[in-house]
Amino acid sequence: MFPFWGNTCWGSEPTSRRTYQERKLQFLKWMRDDLETRLAGLNAAIEAIERQLNREDTTA
């Protein structure tokens, strides 16, 4: 699941602990950004449905 962490087949040079941590940090930030994007989409969908329900309540 995690890309190239501790994978001896990836590249011929051993990676330092710092390089490993930097790569891990970059991946985790990418995951966070992706999740924030998905959450924003979900929040927008929820708000749209709530507005539709409120409109139906006021017209009924």
C-alpha atoms as a PDB file:
ATOM      1  CA  MET A   1       0.000   0.000   0.000  1.00  0.00           C
ATOM      2  CA  PHE A   2       2.725   2.469   0.879  1.00  0.00           C
ATOM      3  CA  PRO A   3       4.905   3.320  -2.088  1.00  0.00           C
ATOM      4  CA  PHE A   4       8.496   2.183  -2.025  1.00  0.00           C
ATOM      5  CA  TRP A   5       8.964   2.271   1.746  1.00  0.00           C
ATOM      6  CA  GLY A   6      11.699  -0.130   2.660  1.00  0.00           C
ATOM      7  CA  ASN A   7      11.489  -1.758  -0.752  1.00  0.00           C
ATOM      8  CA  THR A   8      14.939  -3.055  -1.623  1.00  0.00           C
ATOM      9  CA  CYS A   9      13.858  -3.699  -5.208  1.00  0.00           C
ATOM     10  CA  TRP A  10      13.247  -0.004  -5.819  1.00  0.00           C
ATOM     11  CA  GLY A  11      16.495   1.671  -6.801  1.00  0.00           C
ATOM     12  CA  SER A  12      19.950   0.295  -6.316  1.00  0.00           C
ATOM     13  CA  GLU A  13      21.107   2.613  -3.530  1.00  0.00           C
ATOM     14  CA  PRO A  14      20.034   2.196   0.084  1.00  0.00           C
ATOM     15  CA  THR A  15      17.996   5.111   1.350  1.00  0.00           C
ATOM     16  CA  SER A  16      18.931   7.057   4.425  1.00  0.00           C
ATOM     17  CA  ARG A  17      16.516   7.406   7.313  1.00  0.00           C
ATOM     18  CA  ARG A  18      16.017  11.083   6.426  1.00  0.00           C
ATOM     19  CA  THR A  19      15.165  10.249   2.802  1.00  0.00           C
ATOM     20  CA  TYR A  20      12.766   7.578   4.005  1.00  0.00           C
ATOM     21  CA  GLN A  21      11.059  10.016   6.389  1.00  0.00           C
ATOM     22  CA  GLU A  22      10.838  12.737   3.711  1.00  0.00           C
ATOM     23  CA  ARG A  23       9.278  10.311   1.246  1.00  0.00           C
ATOM     24  CA  LYS A  24       6.836   9.115   3.896  1.00  0.00           C
ATOM     25  CA  LEU A  25       5.927  12.719   4.814  1.00  0.00           C
ATOM     26  CA  GLN A  26       5.339  13.616   1.168  1.00  0.00           C
ATOM     27  CA  PHE A  27       3.065  10.597   0.720  1.00  0.00           C
ATOM     28  CA  LEU A  28       1.084  11.331   3.892  1.00  0.00           C
ATOM     29  CA  LYS A  29       0.578  14.961   2.841  1.00  0.00           C
ATOM     30  CA  TRP A  30      -0.659  13.758  -0.539  1.00  0.00           C
ATOM     31  CA  MET A  31      -3.106  11.427   1.223  1.00  0.00           C
ATOM     32  CA  ARG A  32      -4.326  14.275   3.450  1.00  0.00           C
ATOM     33  CA  ASP A  33      -4.856  16.573   0.463  1.00  0.00           C
ATOM     34  CA  ASP A  34      -6.792  13.841  -1.341  1.00  0.00           C
ATOM     35  CA  LEU A  35      -8.982  13.215   1.700  1.00  0.00           C
ATOM     36  CA  GLU A  36      -9.633  16.947   2.126  1.00  0.00           C
ATOM     37  CA  THR A  37     -10.778  17.113  -1.501  1.00  0.00           C
ATOM     38  CA  ARG A  38     -13.115  14.164  -1.025  1.00  0.00           C
ATOM     39  CA  LEU A  39     -14.472  15.628   2.219  1.00  0.00           C
ATOM     40  CA  ALA A  40     -15.174  18.952   0.510  1.00  0.00           C
ATOM     41  CA  GLY A  41     -17.150  17.086  -2.160  1.00  0.00           C
ATOM     42  CA  LEU A  42     -19.153  15.207   0.442  1.00  0.00           C
ATOM     43  CA  ASN A  43     -19.889  18.390   2.358  1.00  0.00           C
ATOM     44  CA  ALA A  44     -21.108  20.083  -0.828  1.00  0.00           C
ATOM     45  CA  ALA A  45     -23.392  17.137  -1.626  1.00  0.00           C
ATOM     46  CA  ILE A  46     -24.806  17.152   1.912  1.00  0.00           C
ATOM     47  CA  GLU A  47     -25.473  20.899   1.744  1.00  0.00           C
ATOM     48  CA  ALA A  48     -27.219  20.547  -1.617  1.00  0.00           C
ATOM     49  CA  ILE A  49     -29.532  17.831  -0.306  1.00  0.00           C
ATOM     50  CA  GLU A  50     -30.263  19.824   2.858  1.00  0.00           C
ATOM     51  CA  ARG A  51     -31.183  22.871   0.729  1.00  0.00           C
ATOM     52  CA  GLN A  52     -33.477  20.724  -1.420  1.00  0.00           C
ATOM     53  CA  LEU A  53     -35.182  19.314   1.672  1.00  0.00           C
ATOM     54  CA  ASN A  54     -35.620  22.789   3.150  1.00  0.00           C
ATOM     55  CA  ARG A  55     -37.128  24.030  -0.125  1.00  0.00           C
ATOM     56  CA  GLU A  56     -39.576  21.115  -0.148  1.00  0.00           C
ATOM     57  CA  ASP A  57     -40.575  21.881   3.447  1.00  0.00           C
ATOM     58  CA  THR A  58     -41.333  25.505   2.648  1.00  0.00           C
ATOM     59  CA  THR A  59     -43.364  24.726  -0.500  1.00  0.00           C
ATOM     60  CA  ALA A  60     -45.401  21.944   1.091  1.00  0.00           C
END
